[in-house]
Amino acid sequence: MTGSVLPVPPDPQSDYVVRQMRDAIIDTDLKLLGLINQRLTLVQRLRDYKAQQGIPFVDPERERTLHRYLQGANRGPITADGLDRIYDQLLELTKQETTSEP
């Protein structure tokens, strides 16, 4: 096939729309990071208080209620399954990050 040249794909680094969208995504990621850290701080305070009061830290009914509440508040585009998976991971991470054990 002489004479046929494959087109060179555009460079995403020089595409204005790609750069804008990437900037918006990193801004959103930074906000998420801040909110996750804020959540961890609040949960640590709650965990410490519960420990002082002799209240069990993990409350399975509260976790189920949280899932139901968030499902009702979800307007997408995340699916119900996706939301459950994220919050299952977030709850597990929170338990791990706020434990006083190494």
C-alpha atoms as a PDB file:
ATOM      1  CA  MET A   1       0.000   0.000   0.000  1.00  0.00           C
ATOM      2  CA  THR A   2       2.292   2.670  -1.156  1.00  0.00           C
ATOM      3  CA  GLY A   3       1.111   6.208  -0.948  1.00  0.00           C
ATOM      4  CA  SER A   4      -1.296   5.655   1.985  1.00  0.00           C
ATOM      5  CA  VAL A   5      -0.331   7.444   5.147  1.00  0.00           C
ATOM      6  CA  LEU A   6      -1.992   6.719   8.434  1.00  0.00           C
ATOM      7  CA  PRO A   7      -3.275   9.859  10.115  1.00  0.00           C
ATOM      8  CA  VAL A   8      -1.376  10.969  13.183  1.00  0.00           C
ATOM      9  CA  PRO A   9      -3.678  11.084  16.191  1.00  0.00           C
ATOM     10  CA  PRO A  10      -3.954  14.484  17.819  1.00  0.00           C
ATOM     11  CA  ASP A  11      -1.771  15.153  20.839  1.00  0.00           C
ATOM     12  CA  PRO A  12      -4.060  15.192  23.899  1.00  0.00           C
ATOM     13  CA  GLN A  13      -1.616  17.519  25.684  1.00  0.00           C
ATOM     14  CA  SER A  14      -2.166  20.221  23.088  1.00  0.00           C
ATOM     15  CA  ASP A  15      -5.958  19.827  22.890  1.00  0.00           C
ATOM     16  CA  TYR A  16      -7.658  22.682  24.740  1.00  0.00           C
ATOM     17  CA  VAL A  17     -10.808  20.723  25.608  1.00  0.00           C
ATOM     18  CA  VAL A  18      -8.808  17.755  26.913  1.00  0.00           C
ATOM     19  CA  ARG A  19      -6.691  20.063  29.094  1.00  0.00           C
ATOM     20  CA  GLN A  20      -9.782  21.835  30.457  1.00  0.00           C
ATOM     21  CA  MET A  21     -11.534  18.580  31.251  1.00  0.00           C
ATOM     22  CA  ARG A  22      -8.415  17.156  32.916  1.00  0.00           C
ATOM     23  CA  ASP A  23      -8.081  20.323  35.001  1.00  0.00           C
ATOM     24  CA  ALA A  24     -11.731  20.023  36.066  1.00  0.00           C
ATOM     25  CA  ILE A  25     -11.209  16.356  36.946  1.00  0.00           C
ATOM     26  CA  ILE A  26      -8.149  17.059  39.106  1.00  0.00           C
ATOM     27  CA  ASP A  27     -10.025  19.898  40.831  1.00  0.00           C
ATOM     28  CA  THR A  28     -12.832  17.465  41.598  1.00  0.00           C
ATOM     29  CA  ASP A  29     -10.352  14.836  42.796  1.00  0.00           C
ATOM     30  CA  LEU A  30      -8.795  17.384  45.166  1.00  0.00           C
ATOM     31  CA  LYS A  31     -12.238  18.209  46.553  1.00  0.00           C
ATOM     32  CA  LEU A  32     -12.961  14.497  47.027  1.00  0.00           C
ATOM     33  CA  LEU A  33      -9.643  14.049  48.813  1.00  0.00           C
ATOM     34  CA  GLY A  34     -10.448  16.918  51.151  1.00  0.00           C
ATOM     35  CA  LEU A  35     -13.899  15.537  51.881  1.00  0.00           C
ATOM     36  CA  ILE A  36     -12.588  12.020  52.510  1.00  0.00           C
ATOM     37  CA  ASN A  37     -10.021  13.411  54.948  1.00  0.00           C
ATOM     38  CA  GLN A  38     -12.737  15.487  56.627  1.00  0.00           C
ATOM     39  CA  ARG A  39     -14.906  12.366  56.920  1.00  0.00           C
ATOM     40  CA  LEU A  40     -12.022  10.403  58.446  1.00  0.00           C
ATOM     41  CA  THR A  41     -11.445  13.159  61.012  1.00  0.00           C
ATOM     42  CA  LEU A  42     -15.120  13.172  61.992  1.00  0.00           C
ATOM     43  CA  VAL A  43     -15.305   9.395  62.215  1.00  0.00           C
ATOM     44  CA  GLN A  44     -12.152   9.311  64.339  1.00  0.00           C
ATOM     45  CA  ARG A  45     -13.752  11.773  66.752  1.00  0.00           C
ATOM     46  CA  LEU A  46     -16.911   9.648  66.846  1.00  0.00           C
ATOM     47  CA  ARG A  47     -14.897   6.469  67.338  1.00  0.00           C
ATOM     48  CA  ASP A  48     -12.979   8.045  70.248  1.00  0.00           C
ATOM     49  CA  TYR A  49     -16.209   9.247  71.854  1.00  0.00           C
ATOM     50  CA  LYS A  50     -17.883   5.861  71.470  1.00  0.00           C
ATOM     51  CA  ALA A  51     -14.840   4.166  73.013  1.00  0.00           C
ATOM     52  CA  GLN A  52     -15.011   6.514  76.022  1.00  0.00           C
ATOM     53  CA  GLN A  53     -18.712   5.768  76.436  1.00  0.00           C
ATOM     54  CA  GLY A  54     -18.387   2.017  75.948  1.00  0.00           C
ATOM     55  CA  ILE A  55     -20.464   2.128  72.760  1.00  0.00           C
ATOM     56  CA  PRO A  56     -19.546  -0.348  70.005  1.00  0.00           C
ATOM     57  CA  PHE A  57     -17.950   1.432  67.068  1.00  0.00           C
ATOM     58  CA  VAL A  58     -19.490  -0.581  64.241  1.00  0.00           C
ATOM     59  CA  ASP A  59     -23.259  -0.220  63.851  1.00  0.00           C
ATOM     60  CA  PRO A  60     -24.466  -2.471  61.005  1.00  0.00           C
ATOM     61  CA  GLU A  61     -27.973  -0.965  61.080  1.00  0.00           C
ATOM     62  CA  ARG A  62     -26.504   2.538  60.706  1.00  0.00           C
ATOM     63  CA  GLU A  63     -24.473   1.335  57.721  1.00  0.00           C
ATOM     64  CA  ARG A  64     -27.617  -0.108  56.097  1.00  0.00           C
ATOM     65  CA  THR A  65     -29.465   3.149  56.786  1.00  0.00           C
ATOM     66  CA  LEU A  66     -26.623   5.123  55.207  1.00  0.00           C
ATOM     67  CA  HIS A  67     -26.768   2.966  52.084  1.00  0.00           C
ATOM     68  CA  ARG A  68     -30.546   3.406  51.792  1.00  0.00           C
ATOM     69  CA  TYR A  69     -30.314   7.147  52.369  1.00  0.00           C
ATOM     70  CA  LEU A  70     -27.612   7.615  49.754  1.00  0.00           C
ATOM     71  CA  GLN A  71     -29.490   5.448  47.245  1.00  0.00           C
ATOM     72  CA  GLY A  72     -32.513   7.685  47.700  1.00  0.00           C
ATOM     73  CA  ALA A  73     -30.406  10.820  47.260  1.00  0.00           C
ATOM     74  CA  ASN A  74     -28.553   9.511  44.194  1.00  0.00           C
ATOM     75  CA  ARG A  75     -29.546  11.209  40.954  1.00  0.00           C
ATOM     76  CA  GLY A  76     -26.808   9.576  38.868  1.00  0.00           C
ATOM     77  CA  PRO A  77     -25.046   9.007  36.693  1.00  0.00           C
ATOM     78  CA  ILE A  78     -23.550   6.545  39.189  1.00  0.00           C
ATOM     79  CA  THR A  79     -25.527   3.328  39.325  1.00  0.00           C
ATOM     80  CA  ALA A  80     -26.990   1.929  42.520  1.00  0.00           C
ATOM     81  CA  ASP A  81     -24.435  -0.879  42.359  1.00  0.00           C
ATOM     82  CA  GLY A  82     -21.580   1.560  41.824  1.00  0.00           C
ATOM     83  CA  LEU A  83     -22.703   3.664  44.776  1.00  0.00           C
ATOM     84  CA  ASP A  84     -22.918   0.594  47.017  1.00  0.00           C
ATOM     85  CA  ARG A  85     -19.436  -0.506  45.964  1.00  0.00           C
ATOM     86  CA  ILE A  86     -17.913   2.916  46.644  1.00  0.00           C
ATOM     87  CA  TYR A  87     -19.527   3.206  50.071  1.00  0.00           C
ATOM     88  CA  ASP A  88     -18.650  -0.363  51.027  1.00  0.00           C
ATOM     89  CA  GLN A  89     -15.035   0.510  50.249  1.00  0.00           C
ATOM     90  CA  LEU A  90     -15.267   3.879  52.020  1.00  0.00           C
ATOM     91  CA  LEU A  91     -16.732   2.302  55.155  1.00  0.00           C
ATOM     92  CA  GLU A  92     -14.048  -0.393  55.176  1.00  0.00           C
ATOM     93  CA  LEU A  93     -11.306   2.185  54.624  1.00  0.00           C
ATOM     94  CA  THR A  94     -12.725   4.341  57.402  1.00  0.00           C
ATOM     95  CA  LYS A  95     -12.658   1.426  59.836  1.00  0.00           C
ATOM     96  CA  GLN A  96      -9.048   0.670  58.898  1.00  0.00           C
ATOM     97  CA  GLU A  97      -7.852   4.289  58.957  1.00  0.00           C
ATOM     98  CA  THR A  98      -9.427   5.134  62.304  1.00  0.00           C
ATOM     99  CA  THR A  99      -8.335   2.090  64.252  1.00  0.00           C
ATOM    100  CA  SER A 100      -5.702   2.644  66.883  1.00  0.00           C
ATOM    101  CA  GLU A 101      -4.126  -0.705  66.012  1.00  0.00           C
ATOM    102  CA  PRO A 102      -1.293  -0.703  63.430  1.00  0.00           C
END
